[in-house]
Protein backbone atom coordinates (compact mmCIF):
# COMPACT_ATOMS: atom_id res chain seq x y z
CA MET A 1 117.05 99.30 86.64
CA PHE A 2 117.33 95.61 85.83
CA GLU A 3 120.75 94.85 87.28
CA TYR A 4 121.15 93.03 90.57
CA ASP A 5 121.94 95.40 93.44
CA ALA A 6 123.43 93.40 96.30
CA GLU A 7 123.36 96.27 98.77
CA ALA A 8 119.71 97.08 98.17
CA THR A 9 118.79 93.39 98.18
CA ASN A 10 120.48 92.78 101.50
CA ALA A 11 118.89 95.87 103.01
CA ILE A 12 115.40 94.81 101.94
CA LEU A 13 115.94 91.25 103.12
CA ASP A 14 117.26 92.50 106.44
CA TYR A 15 114.20 94.70 106.83
CA CYS A 16 111.89 91.77 106.06
CA ARG A 17 113.83 89.48 108.38
CA ASP A 18 113.60 91.99 111.22
CA ARG A 19 109.90 92.56 110.59
CA LEU A 20 109.14 88.83 110.61
CA ALA A 21 111.12 88.37 113.83
CA MET A 22 109.39 91.15 115.78
CA ASP A 23 107.76 89.89 118.97
CA PRO A 24 105.61 91.69 119.68
CA VAL A 25 104.88 93.37 116.40
CA PRO A 26 104.14 97.07 117.03
CA LEU A 27 100.53 98.09 116.47
CA ASP A 28 101.65 101.51 115.18
CA PHE A 29 99.46 104.55 114.77
CA GLY A 30 97.86 104.63 111.32
CA GLY A 31 96.23 107.97 110.58
CA LEU A 32 97.15 109.31 114.03
CA ALA A 33 100.84 109.44 113.07
CA PRO A 34 102.21 112.70 111.64
CA LEU A 35 102.88 112.44 107.93
CA PRO A 36 106.08 114.00 106.52
CA MET A 37 104.37 115.61 103.57
CA ASP A 38 107.13 118.16 102.94
CA GLU A 39 109.80 115.48 102.87
CA LEU A 40 107.60 113.21 100.79
CA ALA A 41 107.10 115.95 98.21
CA THR A 42 110.83 115.90 97.39
CA MET A 43 111.22 112.14 97.02
CA ILE A 44 110.59 111.69 93.30
CA THR A 45 113.42 113.17 91.26
CA ALA A 46 114.79 112.84 87.75
CA GLU A 47 118.03 111.32 89.03
CA GLY A 48 116.55 108.93 91.59
CA ARG A 49 117.63 108.34 95.17
CA ALA A 50 119.77 105.75 96.91
CA PRO A 51 117.68 102.65 97.79
CA LEU A 52 118.90 102.60 101.40
CA GLU A 53 117.92 106.25 101.82
CA VAL A 54 114.39 105.56 100.58
CA LEU A 55 114.06 102.42 102.71
CA ASP A 56 115.10 104.44 105.76
CA PHE A 57 112.48 107.07 104.90
CA PHE A 58 109.81 104.39 104.64
CA GLU A 59 110.80 102.74 107.93
CA ARG A 60 111.17 106.00 109.80
CA ALA A 61 108.36 108.13 108.42
CA LEU A 62 105.76 106.01 106.62
CA ALA A 63 105.59 102.63 108.35
CA PRO A 64 104.39 104.05 111.70
CA ALA A 65 101.46 105.63 109.85
CA VAL A 66 100.09 102.18 109.00
CA VAL A 67 98.22 100.12 111.62
CA SER A 68 99.65 96.61 111.66
CA SER A 69 96.84 94.21 110.86
CA ASP A 70 98.89 91.08 111.60
CA VAL A 71 98.93 91.56 115.38
CA PRO A 72 96.80 90.06 118.18
CA THR A 73 95.70 93.56 119.19
CA TYR A 74 93.99 94.35 115.86
CA LEU A 75 90.30 93.70 116.65
CA ALA A 76 88.59 96.11 114.24
CA PHE A 77 86.81 95.55 110.94
CA ILE A 78 88.01 92.07 109.86
CA PRO A 79 91.71 91.61 110.70
CA ASN A 80 94.38 90.16 108.45
CA ALA A 81 96.76 87.80 110.22
CA PRO A 82 99.01 86.09 107.67
CA THR A 83 101.15 83.20 108.84
CA LYS A 84 104.90 83.64 108.76
CA ASN A 85 105.23 81.04 106.00
CA SER A 86 102.60 82.75 103.84
CA LEU A 87 104.47 86.04 104.16
CA LEU A 88 107.73 84.39 103.21
CA PHE A 89 106.22 82.77 100.16
CA ASP A 90 104.62 86.05 99.14
CA MET A 91 108.21 87.27 98.80
CA VAL A 92 108.95 84.28 96.56
CA VAL A 93 105.95 85.14 94.39
CA ALA A 94 107.09 88.75 94.06
CA CYS A 95 110.75 87.99 93.44
CA SER A 96 109.92 85.31 90.88
CA GLY A 97 107.84 87.72 88.82
CA LEU A 98 105.11 85.09 88.61
CA ASN A 99 102.21 85.70 86.27
CA GLY A 100 99.07 83.83 87.29
CA THR A 101 96.98 84.61 84.24
CA SER A 102 96.91 81.46 82.12
CA TRP A 103 97.87 77.81 81.89
CA LEU A 104 100.25 78.54 79.03
CA GLU A 105 102.21 81.10 81.04
CA SER A 106 101.98 79.58 84.51
CA ALA A 107 100.91 75.94 84.65
CA GLY A 108 103.00 75.46 87.80
CA VAL A 109 101.08 78.24 89.51
CA VAL A 110 97.69 77.02 88.33
CA VAL A 111 98.04 73.42 89.54
CA ALA A 112 99.11 74.53 93.03
CA GLU A 113 96.39 77.17 93.31
CA ASN A 114 93.82 74.69 92.04
CA GLN A 115 94.86 72.22 94.72
CA ALA A 116 94.08 74.85 97.35
CA LEU A 117 90.77 75.69 95.66
CA GLU A 118 89.83 72.01 95.49
CA TYR A 119 90.56 71.66 99.20
CA LEU A 120 88.27 74.58 100.04
CA ALA A 121 85.55 73.30 97.72
CA GLY A 122 85.77 69.89 99.35
CA ARG A 123 85.47 71.37 102.84
CA ALA A 124 82.41 73.26 101.64
CA GLY A 125 80.85 70.01 100.41
CA MET A 126 80.75 71.20 96.81
CA PRO A 127 80.93 68.44 94.18
CA GLU A 128 84.07 67.14 92.52
CA GLY A 129 84.98 69.34 89.57
CA SER A 130 84.14 72.58 91.38
CA GLY A 131 86.76 75.25 90.89
CA GLY A 132 87.53 78.79 89.96
CA ALA A 133 90.30 81.25 90.69
CA PHE A 134 91.86 83.42 93.34
CA VAL A 135 90.79 87.06 93.00
CA SER A 136 91.70 90.21 94.90
CA GLY A 137 88.92 90.10 97.48
CA GLY A 138 85.34 89.29 98.33
CA SER A 139 84.05 92.30 96.44
CA MET A 140 85.55 91.09 93.17
CA GLY A 141 84.45 87.54 93.92
CA ASN A 142 80.87 88.65 94.52
CA LEU A 143 80.89 90.71 91.33
CA ALA A 144 82.06 87.77 89.22
CA GLY A 145 79.76 85.19 90.80
CA LEU A 146 76.71 87.41 90.50
CA THR A 147 77.57 88.26 86.90
CA VAL A 148 77.61 84.58 85.96
CA GLY A 149 74.35 83.98 87.82
CA ARG A 150 72.73 86.91 86.04
CA ASP A 151 73.62 85.56 82.61
CA VAL A 152 72.52 82.04 83.55
CA GLY A 153 69.18 83.43 84.77
CA ARG A 154 68.65 85.40 81.60
CA THR A 155 69.35 82.30 79.52
CA LEU A 156 66.92 80.19 81.54
CA HIS A 157 64.21 82.83 81.22
CA PRO A 158 64.30 84.30 77.70
CA GLU A 159 60.71 85.42 78.20
CA LEU A 160 61.84 88.03 80.73
CA ASP A 161 63.13 91.49 79.95
CA PRO A 162 66.89 91.03 80.58
CA ARG A 163 66.86 94.25 82.55
CA ALA A 164 64.14 92.97 84.88
CA VAL A 165 65.92 90.00 86.47
CA ARG A 166 66.63 90.31 90.19
CA TYR A 167 68.47 88.66 93.06
CA ALA A 168 66.89 88.07 96.46
CA ILE A 169 69.19 89.44 99.16
CA SER A 170 68.87 90.47 102.79
CA ALA A 171 69.54 93.89 104.26
CA ASP A 172 72.56 92.41 106.04
CA ALA A 173 74.29 91.35 102.82
CA HIS A 174 77.73 92.88 102.46
CA SER A 175 77.79 96.29 100.81
CA SER A 176 79.77 94.81 97.92
CA VAL A 177 76.73 92.72 96.95
CA GLY A 178 74.64 95.83 96.42
CA LYS A 179 77.50 97.49 94.54
CA ALA A 180 77.91 94.43 92.33
CA LEU A 181 74.21 94.41 91.47
CA HIS A 182 74.45 98.08 90.59
CA VAL A 183 77.42 97.43 88.31
CA ILE A 184 75.75 94.55 86.47
CA GLY A 185 72.42 96.36 86.18
CA VAL A 186 70.34 94.03 88.34
CA ASP A 187 67.84 95.06 90.99
CA ALA A 188 67.42 93.40 94.38
CA LEU A 189 64.42 91.91 96.10
CA LEU A 190 65.28 93.04 99.62
CA VAL A 191 64.04 90.39 102.03
CA LYS A 192 63.08 91.29 105.59
CA THR A 193 64.77 88.94 108.03
CA ASP A 194 64.12 87.60 111.48
CA ASP A 195 66.85 88.94 113.76
CA HIS A 196 69.09 89.69 110.78
CA ARG A 197 69.29 86.06 109.58
CA PHE A 198 68.15 85.36 106.03
CA THR A 199 66.01 82.21 106.07
CA ARG A 200 64.03 80.06 103.66
CA GLU A 201 60.80 81.12 105.34
CA ALA A 202 61.63 84.81 104.93
CA LEU A 203 62.43 84.26 101.25
CA ILE A 204 59.17 82.43 100.60
CA GLU A 205 57.19 85.16 102.37
CA ALA A 206 58.91 87.90 100.38
CA LEU A 207 58.32 86.13 97.07
CA ALA A 208 54.67 85.57 97.93
CA ALA A 209 54.20 89.27 98.62
CA ASP A 210 56.08 90.44 95.52
CA PRO A 211 54.08 91.27 92.36
CA HIS A 212 56.73 89.79 90.05
CA PRO A 213 58.43 86.84 91.79
CA GLU A 214 59.20 85.26 88.43
CA THR A 215 61.91 87.89 87.86
CA VAL A 216 63.99 86.58 90.79
CA ILE A 217 66.69 84.41 89.20
CA GLY A 218 69.03 84.01 92.16
CA VAL A 219 69.53 84.11 95.92
CA VAL A 220 72.48 85.62 97.77
CA ALA A 221 73.26 84.26 101.24
CA THR A 222 75.98 85.22 103.68
CA SER A 223 77.98 82.71 105.67
CA GLY A 224 79.12 85.05 108.40
CA THR A 225 78.02 88.67 108.10
CA THR A 226 80.91 91.08 108.43
CA ASN A 227 79.34 93.21 111.14
CA ALA A 228 77.81 90.54 113.39
CA GLY A 229 79.10 87.16 112.21
CA ILE A 230 75.59 85.83 111.51
CA VAL A 231 75.33 82.76 109.28
CA ASP A 232 72.25 82.73 107.07
CA ASP A 233 70.03 79.68 106.62
CA LEU A 234 72.32 78.14 104.03
CA GLU A 235 70.56 74.78 104.04
CA GLY A 236 67.07 76.22 103.67
CA LEU A 237 68.00 78.84 101.10
CA GLY A 238 70.18 76.41 99.20
CA THR A 239 67.53 73.71 98.94
CA TYR A 240 64.95 76.31 97.85
CA ALA A 241 67.32 77.52 95.14
CA ARG A 242 67.89 73.95 93.93
CA GLU A 243 64.17 73.21 93.91
CA HIS A 244 63.37 76.33 91.88
CA ASN A 245 66.42 76.43 89.60
CA LEU A 246 67.76 79.68 91.05
CA TRP A 247 71.42 80.67 91.14
CA PHE A 248 72.67 80.31 94.73
CA HIS A 249 75.59 82.57 95.58
CA VAL A 250 77.17 82.46 99.04
CA ASP A 251 79.35 85.29 100.29
CA GLY A 252 81.61 83.73 102.88
CA ALA A 253 84.42 86.24 102.53
CA TYR A 254 84.87 86.54 106.30
CA GLY A 255 82.98 83.70 107.92
CA GLY A 256 83.25 80.92 105.37
CA ALA A 257 86.47 79.70 106.95
CA ALA A 258 84.46 78.61 110.01
CA MET A 259 83.26 75.63 107.95
CA MET A 260 86.46 74.13 109.40
CA SER A 261 85.32 74.71 113.01
CA ALA A 262 84.57 71.76 115.26
CA THR A 263 81.79 73.65 117.05
CA ASP A 264 80.31 75.79 114.27
CA GLY A 265 81.04 73.83 111.12
CA HIS A 266 77.51 72.42 111.02
CA LEU A 267 76.18 75.90 110.23
CA PHE A 268 77.85 75.67 106.84
CA ALA A 269 76.46 72.36 105.60
CA GLY A 270 74.29 74.21 103.09
CA LEU A 271 77.38 75.41 101.23
CA ARG A 272 77.14 72.21 99.24
CA HIS A 273 74.23 73.78 97.33
CA ALA A 274 76.19 76.85 96.20
CA ASP A 275 76.57 77.67 92.53
CA SER A 276 79.23 80.20 93.46
CA PHE A 277 81.01 80.64 96.76
CA VAL A 278 83.53 83.21 97.99
CA VAL A 279 85.88 82.84 100.96
CA ASP A 280 88.86 85.10 101.60
CA PRO A 281 92.08 83.39 102.71
CA HIS A 282 93.41 86.85 103.56
CA LYS A 283 90.87 86.99 106.35
CA TRP A 284 90.36 83.90 108.52
CA LEU A 285 92.64 81.56 106.58
CA PHE A 286 95.74 83.55 107.47
CA ALA A 287 97.07 84.54 104.04
CA PRO A 288 98.49 87.91 102.97
CA LEU A 289 96.38 90.52 101.28
CA ASP A 290 94.98 90.35 98.60
CA CYS A 291 93.56 86.85 98.24
CA ALA A 292 89.98 85.61 97.85
CA ALA A 293 88.92 82.18 96.63
CA LEU A 294 86.08 82.24 94.09
CA ILE A 295 84.66 78.76 93.53
CA TYR A 296 81.96 77.66 91.10
CA ARG A 297 79.92 74.50 91.20
CA ASN A 298 80.23 74.31 87.40
CA PRO A 299 83.30 76.25 86.25
CA THR A 300 82.45 75.66 82.60
CA VAL A 301 79.40 77.89 82.96
CA ALA A 302 81.53 80.65 84.46
CA ARG A 303 84.10 80.35 81.71
CA LYS A 304 81.46 80.80 79.03
CA VAL A 305 80.37 84.06 80.65
CA LEU A 306 83.67 85.56 81.76
CA ALA A 307 86.48 84.33 79.49
CA GLN A 308 87.93 87.21 77.50
CA GLN A 309 88.23 86.81 73.74
CA ALA A 310 90.80 88.63 71.61
CA SER A 311 93.01 87.67 68.71
CA TYR A 312 96.17 87.87 70.79
CA LEU A 313 94.55 85.59 73.40
CA ASP A 314 93.53 82.83 70.97
CA ILE A 315 96.60 80.80 71.82
CA LEU A 316 95.42 80.55 75.44
CA HIS A 317 92.33 78.68 74.27
CA ASN A 318 93.80 76.65 71.44
CA THR A 319 96.24 74.00 72.60
CA ASP A 320 96.28 70.23 72.77
CA ASP A 321 97.09 70.18 76.48
CA GLU A 322 94.26 68.52 78.41
CA HIS A 323 94.37 71.31 81.01
CA TYR A 324 94.39 74.22 78.58
CA GLU A 325 90.92 75.33 79.57
CA TRP A 326 92.00 76.15 83.13
CA ASN A 327 93.09 79.73 82.76
CA PRO A 328 92.46 81.68 85.99
CA SER A 329 91.70 84.68 83.79
CA ASP A 330 88.57 82.86 82.55
CA PHE A 331 86.78 82.73 85.88
CA ALA A 332 86.53 86.32 87.07
CA ILE A 333 86.53 89.89 85.83
CA HIS A 334 90.28 90.14 85.38
CA LEU A 335 92.99 89.20 82.92
CA SER A 336 96.50 89.92 84.20
CA ARG A 337 96.77 88.46 87.69
CA ARG A 338 99.47 87.92 90.28
CA ALA A 339 99.80 84.42 91.69
CA ARG A 340 97.99 85.51 94.82
CA GLY A 341 96.86 82.01 95.83
CA LEU A 342 100.36 80.56 96.17
CA PRO A 343 101.19 82.01 99.62
CA PHE A 344 97.98 80.44 100.96
CA TRP A 345 98.78 77.14 99.26
CA TYR A 346 102.30 77.14 100.74
CA SER A 347 100.98 77.96 104.21
CA LEU A 348 98.30 75.26 103.99
CA VAL A 349 100.78 72.64 102.82
CA THR A 350 103.54 73.49 105.32
CA TYR A 351 101.43 73.87 108.46
CA GLY A 352 98.76 71.28 107.67
CA THR A 353 95.00 71.54 107.86
CA ALA A 354 94.82 70.69 111.57
CA ALA A 355 96.73 73.88 112.40
CA PHE A 356 94.19 75.95 110.46
CA GLU A 357 91.30 74.23 112.18
CA SER A 358 92.84 74.93 115.58
CA ALA A 359 93.58 78.59 114.79
CA ILE A 360 90.04 79.21 113.54
CA GLN A 361 88.53 77.50 116.56
CA ALA A 362 90.66 79.62 118.91
CA SER A 363 88.87 82.81 117.82
CA ILE A 364 85.41 81.25 118.15
CA ASP A 365 86.26 80.01 121.63
CA LEU A 366 87.61 83.41 122.65
CA ALA A 367 84.43 85.12 121.44
CA ARG A 368 82.35 82.86 123.67
CA ARG A 369 84.63 83.40 126.65
CA THR A 370 84.47 87.15 126.04
CA GLU A 371 80.69 86.99 126.22
CA SER A 372 81.05 85.44 129.66
CA ILE A 373 83.68 87.99 130.70
CA ILE A 374 81.40 90.88 129.73
CA GLY A 375 78.73 89.31 131.93
CA GLU A 376 81.08 89.71 134.90
CA TYR A 377 81.26 93.50 134.51
CA ASP A 378 78.59 95.98 135.54
CA HIS A 379 79.63 98.79 133.16
CA VAL A 380 79.31 96.92 129.82
CA GLU A 381 76.73 94.56 128.39
CA MET A 382 76.23 92.34 125.37
CA VAL A 383 74.15 93.66 122.48
CA ARG A 384 73.45 90.18 121.09
CA PRO A 385 75.01 86.74 121.54
CA SER A 386 78.43 86.32 120.01
CA SER A 387 78.48 84.74 116.56
CA LEU A 388 81.53 83.08 115.03
CA SER A 389 84.37 85.35 116.18
CA VAL A 390 82.41 88.61 116.49
CA VAL A 391 81.33 90.11 119.81
CA MET A 392 79.01 93.12 119.88
CA PHE A 393 78.63 94.98 123.18
CA ARG A 394 77.82 98.42 124.54
CA ARG A 395 78.84 100.83 127.24
CA PRO A 396 75.49 102.20 128.44
CA GLY A 397 75.40 105.97 128.50
CA TRP A 398 78.11 106.56 125.93
CA SER A 399 77.51 108.85 122.96
CA ASP A 400 78.83 108.34 119.45
CA GLU A 401 81.59 110.82 120.21
CA ARG A 402 82.62 108.98 123.37
CA TYR A 403 82.95 105.69 121.50
CA ASN A 404 85.13 107.39 118.88
CA GLU A 405 87.30 109.05 121.54
CA TRP A 406 87.73 105.71 123.30
CA SER A 407 88.71 103.97 120.07
CA LEU A 408 91.32 106.58 119.20
CA GLN A 409 92.73 106.57 122.73
CA LEU A 410 93.24 102.81 122.58
CA LEU A 411 95.28 103.34 119.44
CA ARG A 412 97.24 106.26 120.89
CA ASP A 413 98.08 104.15 123.94
CA GLN A 414 99.00 101.22 121.65
CA ILE A 415 96.66 98.93 123.58
CA ALA A 416 94.56 97.74 120.64
CA PHE A 417 92.81 98.78 117.47
CA VAL A 418 89.07 98.55 118.18
CA THR A 419 86.52 100.57 116.24
CA PRO A 420 82.85 101.18 117.01
CA THR A 421 80.06 100.16 114.66
CA LYS A 422 76.35 100.76 114.18
CA TRP A 423 73.73 98.18 115.14
CA GLU A 424 70.05 98.93 114.60
CA GLY A 425 70.86 102.63 114.60
CA GLU A 426 72.90 102.57 117.80
CA THR A 427 76.65 103.10 118.07
CA ILE A 428 78.20 100.16 119.92
CA ALA A 429 81.55 98.48 120.45
CA ARG A 430 82.66 95.40 118.54
CA PHE A 431 85.46 92.86 118.73
CA ALA A 432 86.39 90.89 115.63
CA PHE A 433 88.75 88.16 116.78
CA LEU A 434 90.96 86.47 114.21
CA HIS A 435 94.55 86.19 115.42
CA PRO A 436 94.84 83.00 117.49
CA ASP A 437 97.25 84.72 119.92
CA THR A 438 94.66 87.27 121.07
CA ASP A 439 93.90 86.39 124.69
CA GLU A 440 91.53 87.08 127.57
CA ALA A 441 94.02 89.38 129.27
CA LEU A 442 93.80 91.81 126.37
CA VAL A 443 90.00 91.60 126.40
CA ARG A 444 89.88 92.46 130.08
CA ARG A 445 92.38 95.31 129.65
CA ILE A 446 90.25 96.86 126.92
CA LEU A 447 87.03 96.48 128.91
CA GLU A 448 88.66 98.16 131.90
CA THR A 449 89.30 101.26 129.78
CA MET A 450 85.54 101.66 129.35
CA ARG A 451 84.81 102.27 133.03
CA ASP A 452 85.00 106.07 132.84
């Protein structure tokens, strides 16, 4: 199993080369494709199968049953559009067997990943010395950041029952925030918002009405809600948190990248107040899955909470090297870790920051043009103004079932992958733009399919 196989290597590299060269990349059919369950059931054998035979099976039978997320026609959920260079370097990471766990094992990985983290922290306005680690996604980043904030809050308030501490969050916080609070045993003060935007005023009002405001030890804001792209009042919430010594966590998994936008970057000025901040390069920073940047204002605090201790790990924390403390495993709820930040680093370094700024801006501009295009039609209408790269609109008169039928037909016809969502109890349509090559022609083609 550990001998070089030239035939299999060439076949895999040829497949990857062909996939990277596809123009256009097929959208494919996801769950609408027939699955060869009978053939699949015979694949695992005691003797094994020829690599080329298995690769052919994957290409022929399995690949079409996966919707390609790296295409301009993927407009559902939050797309993933990795650059070509990031995909190539992901192959380097895999083929090199890189371990991104500790400084001792992978100093060359850590310094490059830290450079990318420092760049993101700097764009967010966080102070020098901010840092953290790349984790698998926003959910894991939120879990780690909120865990650190919980322990900091308990330390600052020893008079409180440790089980009583809470975070103030809005109803529009990502579902992973609520799950994280459940996991760490912390309740939420759910703050009512004005038009779904969490503001300083709403927080103050909620605290004033709450019988035990002293138990709130942190605030969770969102810099670009996943469903609507709304950016919370980061400046107001952040300054309130600073004034009252509360942990300020910002979930920017999707929208945080727009801090690099020429038109919308001002909305993110309040990121400089964050104690912990999450932004996913595998979303709007064009890296492969799975890659989220988790950044702390004071990484030492996070290390004290999250670093794992065991006799066989002592060597990771006992060395004369001045950088020994920077083990990525110390900053999140993980130990073993692939070098998931390197493809993003390579992409950022090779293309340059201006290319990222332009690509991010392209989606914001398209969202605003789409809002105008929808205004030209008499059969569709906007639900609310576009925000960042999200456009929410409706087809008056359509039922939930009709939206679902329309979505599936778009996929069957290989026009686009667009899924409906819920907004204030109503099923509506939603575009989430991310790929810079998505254009107005596609938008108009999709809208035309909604006439009937």
